[in-house]
Amino acid sequence: MQCTIPQPVMNWNPLPHRFVPPWNSCIVATTLHGTLEGLRKRDADMKSLAVRSRQEEQMDAADLDAATYAQVLRGLARVNRWTFTGHSVLPFLKRFAGRLDGFSLLDVGFGQGDMLRAIARWARKRGIEARLVGVDLNPRSAPIARAATSAGLNIDFRTGDYADQGDRFDYIVSSQVAHHMTDAQLTAFIRHMEDTALRGWVIGDLHRHRLSYQFYPLLARAMGVHRIVREDGQLSIARSFRPAEWTLILAEAGLSPEQFRIVRRFPFRLTVERDRSAAAGE
């Protein structure tokens, strides 16, 4: 929309030191036009959440430099703490592993390692012997996670593919990683966990929801995190799944509804839980 805005004329009212701006219909029309355009864009974004986004995230780019990647992981770890990301995985372990003397666990896609550190602290507090291993495809993740982890927590951070890990684990967990996968990759991952996890597995991820999609940019900007964390974070929500979609993916992987639980957790999280303790003879 284009219009010519005349130069403003100083207009003073009888009250001292009170400026009365000139009334101009063109200014009003321009303002309304911009507002309507913003609303239309917002509505388009809202409608797009009906279907999972396939747009690639910036942090997954192979050419992202190491310094920026480290800054992004630090920012994500901060966001995870503020949004209680650990609550999407820890309740499962508390319920099933909390009664054990010890267990082994593999975290797939550990990032900065914040989930493994939370699990290590929880296990230590309860006197549980936990052998914790993390694997991440990105070779830059392991040194960043090691630098952020005290040696006393004894976490083994590895670089590689989850399918290439020779040892089996009691539990396999994955936090905030599923939405980075394609449907085929996620189905293969679930099948792998079902075949190899001895006691169970759990996936914690975002819930594709309108409120979180609209609110997250405000939170990220208030926290002062890196631009990629702000932009990728909102895209991650658009890339994530809804409960009905999880049911279809799990069915594609060969699981029946009675074999898993899909749990909503605050704020705007979905957890997929699979207890295999019966298969382990318990």
C-alpha atoms as a PDB file:
ATOM      1  CA  MET A   1       0.000   0.000   0.000  1.00  0.00           C
ATOM      2  CA  GLN A   2       1.391   3.404  -0.962  1.00  0.00           C
ATOM      3  CA  CYS A   3       0.282   6.903  -0.024  1.00  0.00           C
ATOM      4  CA  THR A   4       1.860  10.296   0.349  1.00  0.00           C
ATOM      5  CA  ILE A   5       2.155  11.570   3.889  1.00  0.00           C
ATOM      6  CA  PRO A   6       2.317  15.370   4.120  1.00  0.00           C
ATOM      7  CA  GLN A   7       4.819  17.078   6.385  1.00  0.00           C
ATOM      8  CA  PRO A   8       3.381  17.384   9.902  1.00  0.00           C
ATOM      9  CA  VAL A   9       2.226  20.748  11.118  1.00  0.00           C
ATOM     10  CA  MET A  10       2.926  21.721  14.687  1.00  0.00           C
ATOM     11  CA  ASN A  11      -0.407  22.026  16.422  1.00  0.00           C
ATOM     12  CA  TRP A  12      -0.558  23.108  20.014  1.00  0.00           C
ATOM     13  CA  ASN A  13      -3.550  22.790  22.262  1.00  0.00           C
ATOM     14  CA  PRO A  14      -4.419  25.298  24.971  1.00  0.00           C
ATOM     15  CA  LEU A  15      -2.764  23.163  27.646  1.00  0.00           C
ATOM     16  CA  PRO A  16       0.948  23.944  27.929  1.00  0.00           C
ATOM     17  CA  HIS A  17       3.534  21.383  26.803  1.00  0.00           C
ATOM     18  CA  ARG A  18       0.986  19.104  25.196  1.00  0.00           C
ATOM     19  CA  PHE A  19       1.637  18.323  21.539  1.00  0.00           C
ATOM     20  CA  VAL A  20      -1.348  17.334  19.438  1.00  0.00           C
ATOM     21  CA  PRO A  21      -0.230  15.250  16.443  1.00  0.00           C
ATOM     22  CA  PRO A  22      -1.854  16.044  13.113  1.00  0.00           C
ATOM     23  CA  TRP A  23      -4.733  13.794  12.179  1.00  0.00           C
ATOM     24  CA  ASN A  24      -4.029  12.195   8.828  1.00  0.00           C
ATOM     25  CA  SER A  25      -6.198   9.519   7.257  1.00  0.00           C
ATOM     26  CA  CYS A  26      -3.241   8.228   5.244  1.00  0.00           C
ATOM     27  CA  ILE A  27      -1.265   7.507   8.430  1.00  0.00           C
ATOM     28  CA  VAL A  28      -4.240   5.692   9.910  1.00  0.00           C
ATOM     29  CA  ALA A  29      -4.747   3.672   6.728  1.00  0.00           C
ATOM     30  CA  THR A  30      -1.068   2.723   6.588  1.00  0.00           C
ATOM     31  CA  THR A  31      -1.124   1.604  10.230  1.00  0.00           C
ATOM     32  CA  LEU A  32      -4.247  -0.481   9.712  1.00  0.00           C
ATOM     33  CA  HIS A  33      -2.776  -2.021   6.575  1.00  0.00           C
ATOM     34  CA  GLY A  34       0.366  -3.074   8.447  1.00  0.00           C
ATOM     35  CA  THR A  35      -1.719  -4.516  11.275  1.00  0.00           C
ATOM     36  CA  LEU A  36      -3.877  -6.516   8.889  1.00  0.00           C
ATOM     37  CA  GLU A  37      -0.806  -7.833   7.069  1.00  0.00           C
ATOM     38  CA  GLY A  38       0.646  -8.956  10.403  1.00  0.00           C
ATOM     39  CA  LEU A  39      -2.581 -10.716  11.300  1.00  0.00           C
ATOM     40  CA  ARG A  40      -2.720 -12.433   7.920  1.00  0.00           C
ATOM     41  CA  LYS A  41       0.859 -13.681   8.372  1.00  0.00           C
ATOM     42  CA  ARG A  42       0.076 -14.893  11.863  1.00  0.00           C
ATOM     43  CA  ASP A  43      -3.012 -16.738  10.630  1.00  0.00           C
ATOM     44  CA  ALA A  44      -0.966 -18.348   7.845  1.00  0.00           C
ATOM     45  CA  ASP A  45       1.607 -19.510  10.403  1.00  0.00           C
ATOM     46  CA  MET A  46      -1.163 -20.893  12.578  1.00  0.00           C
ATOM     47  CA  LYS A  47      -2.721 -22.827   9.731  1.00  0.00           C
ATOM     48  CA  SER A  48       0.651 -24.248   8.719  1.00  0.00           C
ATOM     49  CA  LEU A  49       0.870 -26.044  12.081  1.00  0.00           C
ATOM     50  CA  ALA A  50      -1.866 -28.382  10.904  1.00  0.00           C
ATOM     51  CA  VAL A  51       0.865 -30.193   8.977  1.00  0.00           C
ATOM     52  CA  ARG A  52       4.329 -30.893  10.298  1.00  0.00           C
ATOM     53  CA  SER A  53       6.985 -28.615   8.808  1.00  0.00           C
ATOM     54  CA  ARG A  54       9.782 -30.206   6.763  1.00  0.00           C
ATOM     55  CA  GLN A  55      12.006 -27.141   6.694  1.00  0.00           C
ATOM     56  CA  GLU A  56      15.586 -27.851   7.763  1.00  0.00           C
ATOM     57  CA  GLU A  57      16.938 -26.250  10.924  1.00  0.00           C
ATOM     58  CA  GLN A  58      20.007 -24.026  10.783  1.00  0.00           C
ATOM     59  CA  MET A  59      21.846 -25.837  13.582  1.00  0.00           C
ATOM     60  CA  ASP A  60      21.806 -29.044  11.518  1.00  0.00           C
ATOM     61  CA  ALA A  61      23.766 -27.435   8.677  1.00  0.00           C
ATOM     62  CA  ALA A  62      27.108 -29.149   8.056  1.00  0.00           C
ATOM     63  CA  ASP A  63      28.855 -25.839   7.376  1.00  0.00           C
ATOM     64  CA  LEU A  64      27.867 -24.193  10.672  1.00  0.00           C
ATOM     65  CA  ASP A  65      31.107 -23.068  12.288  1.00  0.00           C
ATOM     66  CA  ALA A  66      32.218 -24.624  15.566  1.00  0.00           C
ATOM     67  CA  ALA A  67      32.050 -21.431  17.622  1.00  0.00           C
ATOM     68  CA  THR A  68      28.470 -20.718  16.572  1.00  0.00           C
ATOM     69  CA  TYR A  69      27.480 -24.336  17.149  1.00  0.00           C
ATOM     70  CA  ALA A  70      28.871 -24.178  20.696  1.00  0.00           C
ATOM     71  CA  GLN A  71      26.968 -20.954  21.359  1.00  0.00           C
ATOM     72  CA  VAL A  72      23.784 -22.524  20.031  1.00  0.00           C
ATOM     73  CA  LEU A  73      24.166 -25.583  22.282  1.00  0.00           C
ATOM     74  CA  ARG A  74      24.723 -23.367  25.325  1.00  0.00           C
ATOM     75  CA  GLY A  75      21.623 -21.388  24.463  1.00  0.00           C
ATOM     76  CA  LEU A  76      19.562 -24.532  23.982  1.00  0.00           C
ATOM     77  CA  ALA A  77      20.726 -25.866  27.338  1.00  0.00           C
ATOM     78  CA  ARG A  78      19.536 -22.637  28.986  1.00  0.00           C
ATOM     79  CA  VAL A  79      16.167 -22.864  27.253  1.00  0.00           C
ATOM     80  CA  ASN A  80      15.889 -26.514  28.319  1.00  0.00           C
ATOM     81  CA  ARG A  81      16.437 -25.568  31.962  1.00  0.00           C
ATOM     82  CA  TRP A  82      13.865 -22.772  31.831  1.00  0.00           C
ATOM     83  CA  THR A  83      11.275 -24.967  30.118  1.00  0.00           C
ATOM     84  CA  PHE A  84      11.779 -28.062  32.332  1.00  0.00           C
ATOM     85  CA  THR A  85      12.898 -30.291  29.479  1.00  0.00           C
ATOM     86  CA  GLY A  86      14.248 -32.866  31.922  1.00  0.00           C
ATOM     87  CA  HIS A  87      10.707 -33.479  33.133  1.00  0.00           C
ATOM     88  CA  SER A  88       9.918 -35.177  29.836  1.00  0.00           C
ATOM     89  CA  VAL A  89      12.327 -38.060  30.569  1.00  0.00           C
ATOM     90  CA  LEU A  90      13.090 -38.215  34.298  1.00  0.00           C
ATOM     91  CA  PRO A  91       9.584 -39.265  35.466  1.00  0.00           C
ATOM     92  CA  PHE A  92       9.879 -42.444  33.384  1.00  0.00           C
ATOM     93  CA  LEU A  93      13.252 -43.310  34.925  1.00  0.00           C
ATOM     94  CA  LYS A  94      12.040 -42.486  38.431  1.00  0.00           C
ATOM     95  CA  ARG A  95       9.115 -44.860  37.992  1.00  0.00           C
ATOM     96  CA  PHE A  96      10.969 -47.798  36.479  1.00  0.00           C
ATOM     97  CA  ALA A  97      14.699 -47.403  37.177  1.00  0.00           C
ATOM     98  CA  GLY A  98      14.265 -45.856  40.617  1.00  0.00           C
ATOM     99  CA  ARG A  99      13.801 -49.266  42.202  1.00  0.00           C
ATOM    100  CA  LEU A 100      16.983 -50.735  40.693  1.00  0.00           C
ATOM    101  CA  ASP A 101      20.459 -50.946  42.229  1.00  0.00           C
ATOM    102  CA  GLY A 102      21.947 -49.939  38.893  1.00  0.00           C
ATOM    103  CA  PHE A 103      21.226 -49.568  35.204  1.00  0.00           C
ATOM    104  CA  SER A 104      22.859 -48.668  31.904  1.00  0.00           C
ATOM    105  CA  LEU A 105      21.482 -45.966  29.643  1.00  0.00           C
ATOM    106  CA  LEU A 106      22.147 -44.567  26.176  1.00  0.00           C
ATOM    107  CA  ASP A 107      21.124 -40.993  25.325  1.00  0.00           C
ATOM    108  CA  VAL A 108      20.802 -40.504  21.558  1.00  0.00           C
ATOM    109  CA  GLY A 109      21.543 -36.965  20.359  1.00  0.00           C
ATOM    110  CA  PHE A 110      22.882 -35.575  23.650  1.00  0.00           C
ATOM    111  CA  GLY A 111      23.804 -32.096  22.380  1.00  0.00           C
ATOM    112  CA  GLN A 112      25.472 -30.292  25.277  1.00  0.00           C
ATOM    113  CA  GLY A 113      24.829 -33.251  27.579  1.00  0.00           C
ATOM    114  CA  ASP A 114      22.349 -31.536  29.915  1.00  0.00           C
ATOM    115  CA  MET A 115      19.927 -34.479  29.993  1.00  0.00           C
ATOM    116  CA  LEU A 116      22.664 -36.960  30.897  1.00  0.00           C
ATOM    117  CA  ARG A 117      23.945 -34.661  33.630  1.00  0.00           C
ATOM    118  CA  ALA A 118      20.437 -34.429  35.092  1.00  0.00           C
ATOM    119  CA  ILE A 119      20.115 -38.227  35.042  1.00  0.00           C
ATOM    120  CA  ALA A 120      23.568 -38.643  36.617  1.00  0.00           C
ATOM    121  CA  ARG A 121      22.741 -36.263  39.469  1.00  0.00           C
ATOM    122  CA  TRP A 122      19.387 -37.961  40.044  1.00  0.00           C
ATOM    123  CA  ALA A 123      20.957 -41.437  40.162  1.00  0.00           C
ATOM    124  CA  ARG A 124      23.778 -40.328  42.451  1.00  0.00           C
ATOM    125  CA  LYS A 125      21.344 -38.684  44.879  1.00  0.00           C
ATOM    126  CA  ARG A 126      19.485 -42.002  45.200  1.00  0.00           C
ATOM    127  CA  GLY A 127      22.571 -44.184  45.422  1.00  0.00           C
ATOM    128  CA  ILE A 128      21.909 -45.873  42.072  1.00  0.00           C
ATOM    129  CA  GLU A 129      24.882 -47.058  40.030  1.00  0.00           C
ATOM    130  CA  ALA A 130      24.275 -45.674  36.537  1.00  0.00           C
ATOM    131  CA  ARG A 131      26.431 -46.342  33.485  1.00  0.00           C
ATOM    132  CA  LEU A 132      25.600 -43.409  31.232  1.00  0.00           C
ATOM    133  CA  VAL A 133      26.579 -43.148  27.574  1.00  0.00           C
ATOM    134  CA  GLY A 134      25.672 -40.472  25.058  1.00  0.00           C
ATOM    135  CA  VAL A 135      26.029 -40.675  21.285  1.00  0.00           C
ATOM    136  CA  ASP A 136      25.696 -37.778  18.856  1.00  0.00           C
ATOM    137  CA  LEU A 137      26.236 -37.651  15.105  1.00  0.00           C
ATOM    138  CA  ASN A 138      27.808 -34.202  15.249  1.00  0.00           C
ATOM    139  CA  PRO A 139      31.538 -34.527  16.120  1.00  0.00           C
ATOM    140  CA  ARG A 140      31.486 -31.063  17.692  1.00  0.00           C
ATOM    141  CA  SER A 141      29.011 -32.112  20.401  1.00  0.00           C
ATOM    142  CA  ALA A 142      31.235 -34.439  22.432  1.00  0.00           C
ATOM    143  CA  PRO A 143      34.008 -31.945  23.337  1.00  0.00           C
ATOM    144  CA  ILE A 144      31.403 -29.300  24.194  1.00  0.00           C
ATOM    145  CA  ALA A 145      29.503 -31.729  26.437  1.00  0.00           C
ATOM    146  CA  ARG A 146      32.702 -32.935  28.138  1.00  0.00           C
ATOM    147  CA  ALA A 147      33.759 -29.371  28.877  1.00  0.00           C
ATOM    148  CA  ALA A 148      30.378 -28.685  30.518  1.00  0.00           C
ATOM    149  CA  THR A 149      30.433 -31.884  32.615  1.00  0.00           C
ATOM    150  CA  SER A 150      32.356 -32.461  35.837  1.00  0.00           C
ATOM    151  CA  ALA A 151      34.571 -35.546  35.785  1.00  0.00           C
ATOM    152  CA  GLY A 152      32.822 -36.935  38.832  1.00  0.00           C
ATOM    153  CA  LEU A 153      29.633 -37.562  36.882  1.00  0.00           C
ATOM    154  CA  ASN A 154      31.445 -40.205  34.797  1.00  0.00           C
ATOM    155  CA  ILE A 155      29.498 -39.847  31.534  1.00  0.00           C
ATOM    156  CA  ASP A 156      30.821 -41.389  28.324  1.00  0.00           C
ATOM    157  CA  PHE A 157      30.194 -38.997  25.418  1.00  0.00           C
ATOM    158  CA  ARG A 158      30.656 -40.602  22.013  1.00  0.00           C
ATOM    159  CA  THR A 159      30.505 -39.487  18.394  1.00  0.00           C
ATOM    160  CA  GLY A 160      28.684 -41.725  15.947  1.00  0.00           C
ATOM    161  CA  ASP A 161      25.426 -43.389  14.993  1.00  0.00           C
ATOM    162  CA  TYR A 162      23.205 -45.010  17.613  1.00  0.00           C
ATOM    163  CA  ALA A 163      22.949 -48.119  15.430  1.00  0.00           C
ATOM    164  CA  ASP A 164      26.722 -48.635  15.535  1.00  0.00           C
ATOM    165  CA  GLN A 165      27.019 -48.888  19.317  1.00  0.00           C
ATOM    166  CA  GLY A 166      28.043 -52.467  20.055  1.00  0.00           C
ATOM    167  CA  ASP A 167      26.821 -52.709  23.642  1.00  0.00           C
ATOM    168  CA  ARG A 168      23.197 -53.029  24.715  1.00  0.00           C
ATOM    169  CA  PHE A 169      21.616 -50.832  27.344  1.00  0.00           C
ATOM    170  CA  ASP A 170      18.831 -51.201  29.883  1.00  0.00           C
ATOM    171  CA  TYR A 171      17.313 -47.923  28.708  1.00  0.00           C
ATOM    172  CA  ILE A 172      17.556 -45.763  25.618  1.00  0.00           C
ATOM    173  CA  VAL A 173      16.396 -42.178  25.861  1.00  0.00           C
ATOM    174  CA  SER A 174      16.188 -39.296  23.426  1.00  0.00           C
ATOM    175  CA  SER A 175      15.284 -35.729  24.291  1.00  0.00           C
ATOM    176  CA  GLN A 176      14.416 -32.998  21.794  1.00  0.00           C
ATOM    177  CA  VAL A 177      15.777 -35.050  18.884  1.00  0.00           C
ATOM    178  CA  ALA A 178      12.764 -36.746  17.294  1.00  0.00           C
ATOM    179  CA  HIS A 179      11.624 -33.603  15.481  1.00  0.00           C
ATOM    180  CA  HIS A 180      15.016 -33.425  13.741  1.00  0.00           C
ATOM    181  CA  MET A 181      14.309 -36.797  12.105  1.00  0.00           C
ATOM    182  CA  THR A 182      12.287 -37.658   9.041  1.00  0.00           C
ATOM    183  CA  ASP A 183       9.331 -39.982   9.525  1.00  0.00           C
ATOM    184  CA  ALA A 184      11.356 -42.892   8.105  1.00  0.00           C
ATOM    185  CA  GLN A 185      14.328 -42.143  10.375  1.00  0.00           C
ATOM    186  CA  LEU A 186      12.088 -41.944  13.421  1.00  0.00           C
ATOM    187  CA  THR A 187      10.369 -45.222  12.591  1.00  0.00           C
ATOM    188  CA  ALA A 188      13.750 -46.933  12.189  1.00  0.00           C
ATOM    189  CA  PHE A 189      14.927 -45.449  15.490  1.00  0.00           C
ATOM    190  CA  ILE A 190      11.882 -46.745  17.355  1.00  0.00           C
ATOM    191  CA  ARG A 191      12.363 -50.208  15.884  1.00  0.00           C
ATOM    192  CA  HIS A 192      16.006 -50.159  16.941  1.00  0.00           C
ATOM    193  CA  MET A 193      15.103 -49.205  20.510  1.00  0.00           C
ATOM    194  CA  GLU A 194      12.431 -51.869  20.615  1.00  0.00           C
ATOM    195  CA  ASP A 195      14.941 -54.480  19.464  1.00  0.00           C
ATOM    196  CA  THR A 196      17.857 -53.485  21.685  1.00  0.00           C
ATOM    197  CA  ALA A 197      16.670 -51.710  24.863  1.00  0.00           C
ATOM    198  CA  LEU A 198      16.522 -54.322  27.612  1.00  0.00           C
ATOM    199  CA  ARG A 199      14.173 -52.599  30.063  1.00  0.00           C
ATOM    200  CA  GLY A 200      12.559 -49.809  28.080  1.00  0.00           C
ATOM    201  CA  TRP A 201      12.929 -46.574  26.184  1.00  0.00           C
ATOM    202  CA  VAL A 202      11.542 -43.061  26.251  1.00  0.00           C
ATOM    203  CA  ILE A 203      11.355 -40.203  23.758  1.00  0.00           C
ATOM    204  CA  GLY A 204      10.802 -36.685  25.041  1.00  0.00           C
ATOM    205  CA  ASP A 205       9.982 -34.059  22.459  1.00  0.00           C
ATOM    206  CA  LEU A 206       8.024 -30.915  21.733  1.00  0.00           C
ATOM    207  CA  HIS A 207       4.286 -30.775  21.168  1.00  0.00           C
ATOM    208  CA  ARG A 208       3.274 -28.913  18.016  1.00  0.00           C
ATOM    209  CA  HIS A 209       0.907 -26.416  19.585  1.00  0.00           C
ATOM    210  CA  ARG A 210      -0.229 -22.924  18.604  1.00  0.00           C
ATOM    211  CA  LEU A 211       0.416 -21.347  21.982  1.00  0.00           C
ATOM    212  CA  SER A 212       3.993 -22.571  22.266  1.00  0.00           C
ATOM    213  CA  TYR A 213       4.668 -21.570  18.661  1.00  0.00           C
ATOM    214  CA  GLN A 214       3.552 -18.011  19.364  1.00  0.00           C
ATOM    215  CA  PHE A 215       5.058 -17.695  22.837  1.00  0.00           C
ATOM    216  CA  TYR A 216       8.518 -19.198  22.284  1.00  0.00           C
ATOM    217  CA  PRO A 217      10.023 -16.268  20.290  1.00  0.00           C
ATOM    218  CA  LEU A 218       9.129 -13.924  23.157  1.00  0.00           C
ATOM    219  CA  LEU A 219      10.802 -16.185  25.714  1.00  0.00           C
ATOM    220  CA  ALA A 220      13.892 -16.698  23.571  1.00  0.00           C
ATOM    221  CA  ARG A 221      14.308 -12.980  22.952  1.00  0.00           C
ATOM    222  CA  ALA A 222      13.882 -12.220  26.664  1.00  0.00           C
ATOM    223  CA  MET A 223      16.594 -14.774  27.450  1.00  0.00           C
ATOM    224  CA  GLY A 224      18.975 -13.178  24.950  1.00  0.00           C
ATOM    225  CA  VAL A 225      19.916 -16.452  23.262  1.00  0.00           C
ATOM    226  CA  HIS A 226      21.555 -16.705  19.860  1.00  0.00           C
ATOM    227  CA  ARG A 227      19.476 -15.859  16.793  1.00  0.00           C
ATOM    228  CA  ILE A 228      19.634 -19.489  15.604  1.00  0.00           C
ATOM    229  CA  VAL A 229      18.226 -20.662  18.935  1.00  0.00           C
ATOM    230  CA  ARG A 230      15.342 -18.214  18.540  1.00  0.00           C
ATOM    231  CA  GLU A 231      14.588 -19.116  14.926  1.00  0.00           C
ATOM    232  CA  ASP A 232      15.278 -22.858  15.119  1.00  0.00           C
ATOM    233  CA  GLY A 233      13.333 -23.124  18.358  1.00  0.00           C
ATOM    234  CA  GLN A 234      10.131 -21.941  16.753  1.00  0.00           C
ATOM    235  CA  LEU A 235      10.793 -24.109  13.714  1.00  0.00           C
ATOM    236  CA  SER A 236      11.372 -27.085  16.014  1.00  0.00           C
ATOM    237  CA  ILE A 237       7.849 -26.653  17.342  1.00  0.00           C
ATOM    238  CA  ALA A 238       6.505 -26.604  13.780  1.00  0.00           C
ATOM    239  CA  ARG A 239       8.548 -29.755  12.998  1.00  0.00           C
ATOM    240  CA  SER A 240       7.368 -31.669  16.054  1.00  0.00           C
ATOM    241  CA  PHE A 241       4.474 -34.112  16.366  1.00  0.00           C
ATOM    242  CA  ARG A 242       1.009 -34.298  17.826  1.00  0.00           C
ATOM    243  CA  PRO A 243      -0.371 -37.266  19.820  1.00  0.00           C
ATOM    244  CA  ALA A 244      -2.347 -38.745  16.910  1.00  0.00           C
ATOM    245  CA  GLU A 245       0.729 -38.568  14.695  1.00  0.00           C
ATOM    246  CA  TRP A 246       2.802 -40.363  17.312  1.00  0.00           C
ATOM    247  CA  THR A 247       0.217 -43.147  17.411  1.00  0.00           C
ATOM    248  CA  LEU A 248       0.524 -43.638  13.657  1.00  0.00           C
ATOM    249  CA  ILE A 249       4.332 -43.606  13.743  1.00  0.00           C
ATOM    250  CA  LEU A 250       4.411 -46.148  16.575  1.00  0.00           C
ATOM    251  CA  ALA A 251       1.977 -48.365  14.678  1.00  0.00           C
ATOM    252  CA  GLU A 252       4.243 -48.135  11.624  1.00  0.00           C
ATOM    253  CA  ALA A 253       7.114 -49.263  13.846  1.00  0.00           C
ATOM    254  CA  GLY A 254       5.091 -52.314  14.890  1.00  0.00           C
ATOM    255  CA  LEU A 255       3.832 -51.311  18.330  1.00  0.00           C
ATOM    256  CA  SER A 256       0.246 -51.731  19.460  1.00  0.00           C
ATOM    257  CA  PRO A 257      -1.446 -49.100  21.681  1.00  0.00           C
ATOM    258  CA  GLU A 258      -1.185 -51.186  24.851  1.00  0.00           C
ATOM    259  CA  GLN A 259       2.610 -51.310  24.509  1.00  0.00           C
ATOM    260  CA  PHE A 260       3.288 -47.596  24.951  1.00  0.00           C
ATOM    261  CA  ARG A 261       2.102 -44.426  26.650  1.00  0.00           C
ATOM    262  CA  ILE A 262       1.932 -40.941  25.184  1.00  0.00           C
ATOM    263  CA  VAL A 263       2.054 -38.455  28.051  1.00  0.00           C
ATOM    264  CA  ARG A 264       1.531 -34.698  27.921  1.00  0.00           C
ATOM    265  CA  ARG A 265       3.932 -32.826  30.149  1.00  0.00           C
ATOM    266  CA  PHE A 266       4.228 -29.162  31.054  1.00  0.00           C
ATOM    267  CA  PRO A 267       5.018 -27.021  29.172  1.00  0.00           C
ATOM    268  CA  PHE A 268       3.948 -28.256  25.732  1.00  0.00           C
ATOM    269  CA  ARG A 269       5.883 -31.514  25.793  1.00  0.00           C
ATOM    270  CA  LEU A 270       4.986 -35.012  24.682  1.00  0.00           C
ATOM    271  CA  THR A 271       6.681 -38.095  26.074  1.00  0.00           C
ATOM    272  CA  VAL A 272       6.486 -41.522  24.457  1.00  0.00           C
ATOM    273  CA  GLU A 273       7.187 -44.216  27.068  1.00  0.00           C
ATOM    274  CA  ARG A 274       7.817 -47.900  26.530  1.00  0.00           C
ATOM    275  CA  ASP A 275       8.309 -50.156  29.549  1.00  0.00           C
ATOM    276  CA  ARG A 276       9.901 -53.512  28.693  1.00  0.00           C
ATOM    277  CA  SER A 277      10.461 -54.739  32.246  1.00  0.00           C
ATOM    278  CA  ALA A 278       8.139 -57.691  31.609  1.00  0.00           C
ATOM    279  CA  ALA A 279      10.317 -58.730  28.692  1.00  0.00           C
ATOM    280  CA  ALA A 280      13.331 -58.474  31.010  1.00  0.00           C
ATOM    281  CA  GLY A 281      11.708 -61.040  33.312  1.00  0.00           C
ATOM    282  CA  GLU A 282      10.632 -58.669  36.074  1.00  0.00           C
END
